[in-house]
Amino acid sequence: MYFKIVERLKNQLIEKGTPENHAGRYAINILKKNGILDNKGLTFKGEVRELMTPDQRAIDRVRGSRSFTDYNYNPGTNRATLKR
């Protein structure tokens, strides 16, 4: 079972210093804790996140009840900030 979202998180963990032999298991555990994965694979929430672009995921992380159009995305930092 291969999911791009697991691979992305695994690579992010490796970049932050997690040993490669542990990063995959850590990624799966984090995604299970956040409701993106379960024992059968991707949950509905996981399927939605898998289809999102990086800017959509960044905005989704911070947006709360606001609209996606209320935010600017910075690809260099992978962060979304509220428009002024």
N, C-alpha and C. Protein backbone atom coordinates (compact mmCIF):
# COMPACT_ATOMS: atom_id res chain seq x y z
N MET A 1 0.85 -1.17 0.00
CA MET A 1 0.00 0.00 0.00
C MET A 1 0.90 1.24 0.00
N TYR A 2 0.85 2.05 -1.04
CA TYR A 2 1.70 3.23 -1.17
C TYR A 2 0.82 4.47 -1.30
N PHE A 3 1.09 5.47 -0.50
CA PHE A 3 0.36 6.74 -0.58
C PHE A 3 1.37 7.87 -0.64
N LYS A 4 1.12 8.81 -1.54
CA LYS A 4 2.03 9.95 -1.69
C LYS A 4 2.14 10.76 -0.41
N ILE A 5 1.04 10.85 0.33
CA ILE A 5 1.04 11.66 1.54
C ILE A 5 2.00 11.08 2.59
N VAL A 6 2.11 9.76 2.64
CA VAL A 6 3.05 9.12 3.58
C VAL A 6 4.48 9.41 3.15
N GLU A 7 4.73 9.31 1.86
CA GLU A 7 6.07 9.57 1.33
C GLU A 7 6.50 11.02 1.57
N ARG A 8 5.56 11.97 1.37
CA ARG A 8 5.87 13.39 1.61
C ARG A 8 6.26 13.62 3.06
N LEU A 9 5.45 13.09 3.97
CA LEU A 9 5.73 13.29 5.39
C LEU A 9 7.03 12.60 5.79
N LYS A 10 7.27 11.41 5.26
CA LYS A 10 8.51 10.69 5.56
C LYS A 10 9.72 11.52 5.14
N ASN A 11 9.67 12.09 3.95
CA ASN A 11 10.78 12.92 3.46
C ASN A 11 10.96 14.18 4.31
N GLN A 12 9.86 14.77 4.75
CA GLN A 12 9.95 15.95 5.63
C GLN A 12 10.61 15.58 6.95
N LEU A 13 10.25 14.42 7.49
CA LEU A 13 10.85 13.98 8.76
C LEU A 13 12.35 13.73 8.60
N ILE A 14 12.74 13.12 7.48
CA ILE A 14 14.16 12.86 7.21
C ILE A 14 14.92 14.18 7.11
N GLU A 15 14.33 15.18 6.42
CA GLU A 15 14.98 16.49 6.29
C GLU A 15 15.17 17.16 7.64
N LYS A 16 14.27 16.86 8.60
CA LYS A 16 14.38 17.46 9.93
C LYS A 16 15.25 16.65 10.87
N GLY A 17 15.87 15.55 10.37
CA GLY A 17 16.82 14.82 11.17
C GLY A 17 16.38 13.47 11.71
N THR A 18 15.18 13.02 11.36
CA THR A 18 14.73 11.70 11.79
C THR A 18 15.51 10.65 11.02
N PRO A 19 16.01 9.62 11.68
CA PRO A 19 16.74 8.56 10.96
C PRO A 19 15.85 7.92 9.89
N GLU A 20 16.43 7.64 8.73
CA GLU A 20 15.67 7.10 7.61
C GLU A 20 14.96 5.80 7.97
N ASN A 21 15.58 4.96 8.80
CA ASN A 21 14.97 3.68 9.11
C ASN A 21 13.77 3.81 10.06
N HIS A 22 13.54 5.00 10.64
CA HIS A 22 12.39 5.22 11.51
C HIS A 22 11.35 6.16 10.89
N ALA A 23 11.72 6.94 9.91
CA ALA A 23 10.87 8.00 9.37
C ALA A 23 9.56 7.47 8.81
N GLY A 24 9.59 6.35 8.11
CA GLY A 24 8.37 5.79 7.52
C GLY A 24 7.35 5.40 8.57
N ARG A 25 7.81 4.73 9.62
CA ARG A 25 6.91 4.31 10.71
C ARG A 25 6.38 5.54 11.44
N TYR A 26 7.23 6.54 11.71
CA TYR A 26 6.78 7.76 12.36
C TYR A 26 5.72 8.46 11.52
N ALA A 27 5.94 8.53 10.20
CA ALA A 27 4.98 9.19 9.31
C ALA A 27 3.62 8.50 9.39
N ILE A 28 3.62 7.18 9.34
CA ILE A 28 2.36 6.44 9.40
C ILE A 28 1.66 6.69 10.73
N ASN A 29 2.40 6.67 11.82
CA ASN A 29 1.79 6.90 13.14
C ASN A 29 1.22 8.31 13.26
N ILE A 30 1.91 9.31 12.74
CA ILE A 30 1.42 10.69 12.77
C ILE A 30 0.12 10.81 11.96
N LEU A 31 0.11 10.21 10.78
CA LEU A 31 -1.08 10.28 9.93
C LEU A 31 -2.26 9.53 10.54
N LYS A 32 -2.00 8.42 11.23
CA LYS A 32 -3.08 7.70 11.91
C LYS A 32 -3.63 8.55 13.05
N LYS A 33 -2.74 9.19 13.81
CA LYS A 33 -3.15 10.03 14.93
C LYS A 33 -4.02 11.20 14.46
N ASN A 34 -3.72 11.72 13.27
CA ASN A 34 -4.47 12.86 12.73
C ASN A 34 -5.70 12.44 11.93
N GLY A 35 -5.99 11.14 11.86
CA GLY A 35 -7.20 10.68 11.18
C GLY A 35 -7.09 10.62 9.68
N ILE A 36 -5.89 10.63 9.14
CA ILE A 36 -5.70 10.59 7.69
C ILE A 36 -5.54 9.16 7.21
N LEU A 37 -4.98 8.31 8.05
CA LEU A 37 -4.82 6.88 7.76
C LEU A 37 -5.50 6.06 8.84
N ASP A 38 -5.96 4.88 8.45
CA ASP A 38 -6.38 3.88 9.43
C ASP A 38 -5.81 2.54 8.99
N ASN A 39 -6.21 1.47 9.61
CA ASN A 39 -5.65 0.16 9.28
C ASN A 39 -5.99 -0.31 7.86
N LYS A 40 -7.05 0.26 7.27
CA LYS A 40 -7.48 -0.14 5.93
C LYS A 40 -6.86 0.73 4.84
N GLY A 41 -6.24 1.82 5.19
CA GLY A 41 -5.66 2.75 4.20
C GLY A 41 -6.09 4.17 4.50
N LEU A 42 -6.26 4.96 3.44
CA LEU A 42 -6.66 6.35 3.61
C LEU A 42 -8.11 6.45 4.06
N THR A 43 -8.36 7.35 5.01
CA THR A 43 -9.73 7.67 5.41
C THR A 43 -10.26 8.69 4.40
N PHE A 44 -11.52 9.10 4.55
CA PHE A 44 -12.07 10.12 3.65
C PHE A 44 -11.25 11.40 3.75
N LYS A 45 -10.91 11.79 4.99
CA LYS A 45 -10.09 12.98 5.21
C LYS A 45 -8.74 12.82 4.50
N GLY A 46 -8.17 11.63 4.56
CA GLY A 46 -6.89 11.36 3.89
C GLY A 46 -6.99 11.44 2.39
N GLU A 47 -8.09 10.93 1.82
CA GLU A 47 -8.28 11.01 0.38
C GLU A 47 -8.38 12.45 -0.09
N VAL A 48 -9.07 13.28 0.70
CA VAL A 48 -9.19 14.70 0.36
C VAL A 48 -7.82 15.37 0.41
N ARG A 49 -7.04 15.13 1.47
CA ARG A 49 -5.71 15.74 1.61
C ARG A 49 -4.76 15.25 0.53
N GLU A 50 -4.90 14.00 0.11
CA GLU A 50 -4.05 13.43 -0.93
C GLU A 50 -4.25 14.18 -2.26
N LEU A 51 -5.47 14.65 -2.50
CA LEU A 51 -5.78 15.35 -3.75
C LEU A 51 -5.41 16.83 -3.73
N MET A 52 -5.14 17.38 -2.54
CA MET A 52 -4.84 18.81 -2.41
C MET A 52 -3.44 19.12 -2.93
N THR A 53 -3.28 20.35 -3.43
CA THR A 53 -1.96 20.85 -3.81
C THR A 53 -1.25 21.34 -2.54
N PRO A 54 0.06 21.59 -2.60
CA PRO A 54 0.76 22.10 -1.41
C PRO A 54 0.16 23.39 -0.85
N ASP A 55 -0.24 24.31 -1.73
CA ASP A 55 -0.81 25.56 -1.24
C ASP A 55 -2.17 25.33 -0.59
N GLN A 56 -2.96 24.41 -1.12
CA GLN A 56 -4.25 24.11 -0.50
C GLN A 56 -4.06 23.47 0.87
N ARG A 57 -3.08 22.60 1.01
CA ARG A 57 -2.82 21.98 2.32
C ARG A 57 -2.35 23.02 3.34
N ALA A 58 -1.48 23.94 2.92
CA ALA A 58 -0.97 24.97 3.82
C ALA A 58 -2.11 25.87 4.30
N ILE A 59 -2.98 26.27 3.38
CA ILE A 59 -4.11 27.12 3.75
C ILE A 59 -5.07 26.35 4.64
N ASP A 60 -5.31 25.08 4.32
CA ASP A 60 -6.22 24.26 5.12
C ASP A 60 -5.74 24.12 6.56
N ARG A 61 -4.42 24.09 6.77
CA ARG A 61 -3.87 23.96 8.11
C ARG A 61 -4.19 25.18 8.98
N VAL A 62 -4.30 26.37 8.38
CA VAL A 62 -4.45 27.59 9.18
C VAL A 62 -5.81 28.26 9.07
N ARG A 63 -6.64 27.86 8.14
CA ARG A 63 -7.77 28.69 7.78
C ARG A 63 -8.91 28.77 8.78
N GLY A 64 -9.18 27.78 9.58
CA GLY A 64 -10.31 27.85 10.50
C GLY A 64 -11.61 28.00 9.72
N SER A 65 -12.38 29.06 10.01
CA SER A 65 -13.66 29.26 9.33
C SER A 65 -13.57 30.23 8.15
N ARG A 66 -12.39 30.72 7.85
CA ARG A 66 -12.23 31.66 6.74
C ARG A 66 -12.17 30.93 5.40
N SER A 67 -12.26 31.69 4.32
CA SER A 67 -12.21 31.15 2.97
C SER A 67 -10.76 30.95 2.51
N PHE A 68 -10.56 30.03 1.58
CA PHE A 68 -9.23 29.82 0.99
C PHE A 68 -8.70 31.10 0.36
N THR A 69 -9.59 31.92 -0.19
CA THR A 69 -9.16 33.13 -0.90
C THR A 69 -8.70 34.23 0.06
N ASP A 70 -8.87 34.06 1.36
CA ASP A 70 -8.42 35.05 2.34
C ASP A 70 -6.93 34.94 2.66
N TYR A 71 -6.24 33.97 2.04
CA TYR A 71 -4.85 33.70 2.38
C TYR A 71 -3.91 33.80 1.19
N ASN A 72 -2.67 34.18 1.48
CA ASN A 72 -1.58 34.14 0.51
C ASN A 72 -0.69 32.95 0.85
N TYR A 73 -0.21 32.26 -0.18
CA TYR A 73 0.66 31.11 0.01
C TYR A 73 2.07 31.46 -0.41
N ASN A 74 3.06 31.12 0.42
CA ASN A 74 4.47 31.33 0.10
C ASN A 74 5.10 29.96 -0.15
N PRO A 75 5.41 29.62 -1.41
CA PRO A 75 5.99 28.30 -1.69
C PRO A 75 7.38 28.11 -1.11
N GLY A 76 8.10 29.17 -0.84
CA GLY A 76 9.43 29.05 -0.27
C GLY A 76 9.42 28.54 1.16
N THR A 77 8.41 28.95 1.91
CA THR A 77 8.30 28.51 3.30
C THR A 77 7.18 27.50 3.52
N ASN A 78 6.37 27.26 2.48
CA ASN A 78 5.23 26.36 2.54
C ASN A 78 4.25 26.79 3.64
N ARG A 79 4.05 28.10 3.73
CA ARG A 79 3.15 28.65 4.74
C ARG A 79 2.12 29.55 4.09
N ALA A 80 0.97 29.63 4.73
CA ALA A 80 -0.09 30.51 4.28
C ALA A 80 -0.29 31.58 5.34
N THR A 81 -0.46 32.82 4.87
CA THR A 81 -0.71 33.93 5.79
C THR A 81 -1.95 34.67 5.35
N LEU A 82 -2.61 35.29 6.30
CA LEU A 82 -3.83 36.03 6.05
C LEU A 82 -3.51 37.27 5.22
N LYS A 83 -4.31 37.51 4.19
CA LYS A 83 -4.13 38.74 3.38
C LYS A 83 -4.47 39.94 4.23
N ARG A 84 -3.81 41.03 3.94
CA ARG A 84 -4.10 42.29 4.68
C ARG A 84 -5.14 43.09 3.97
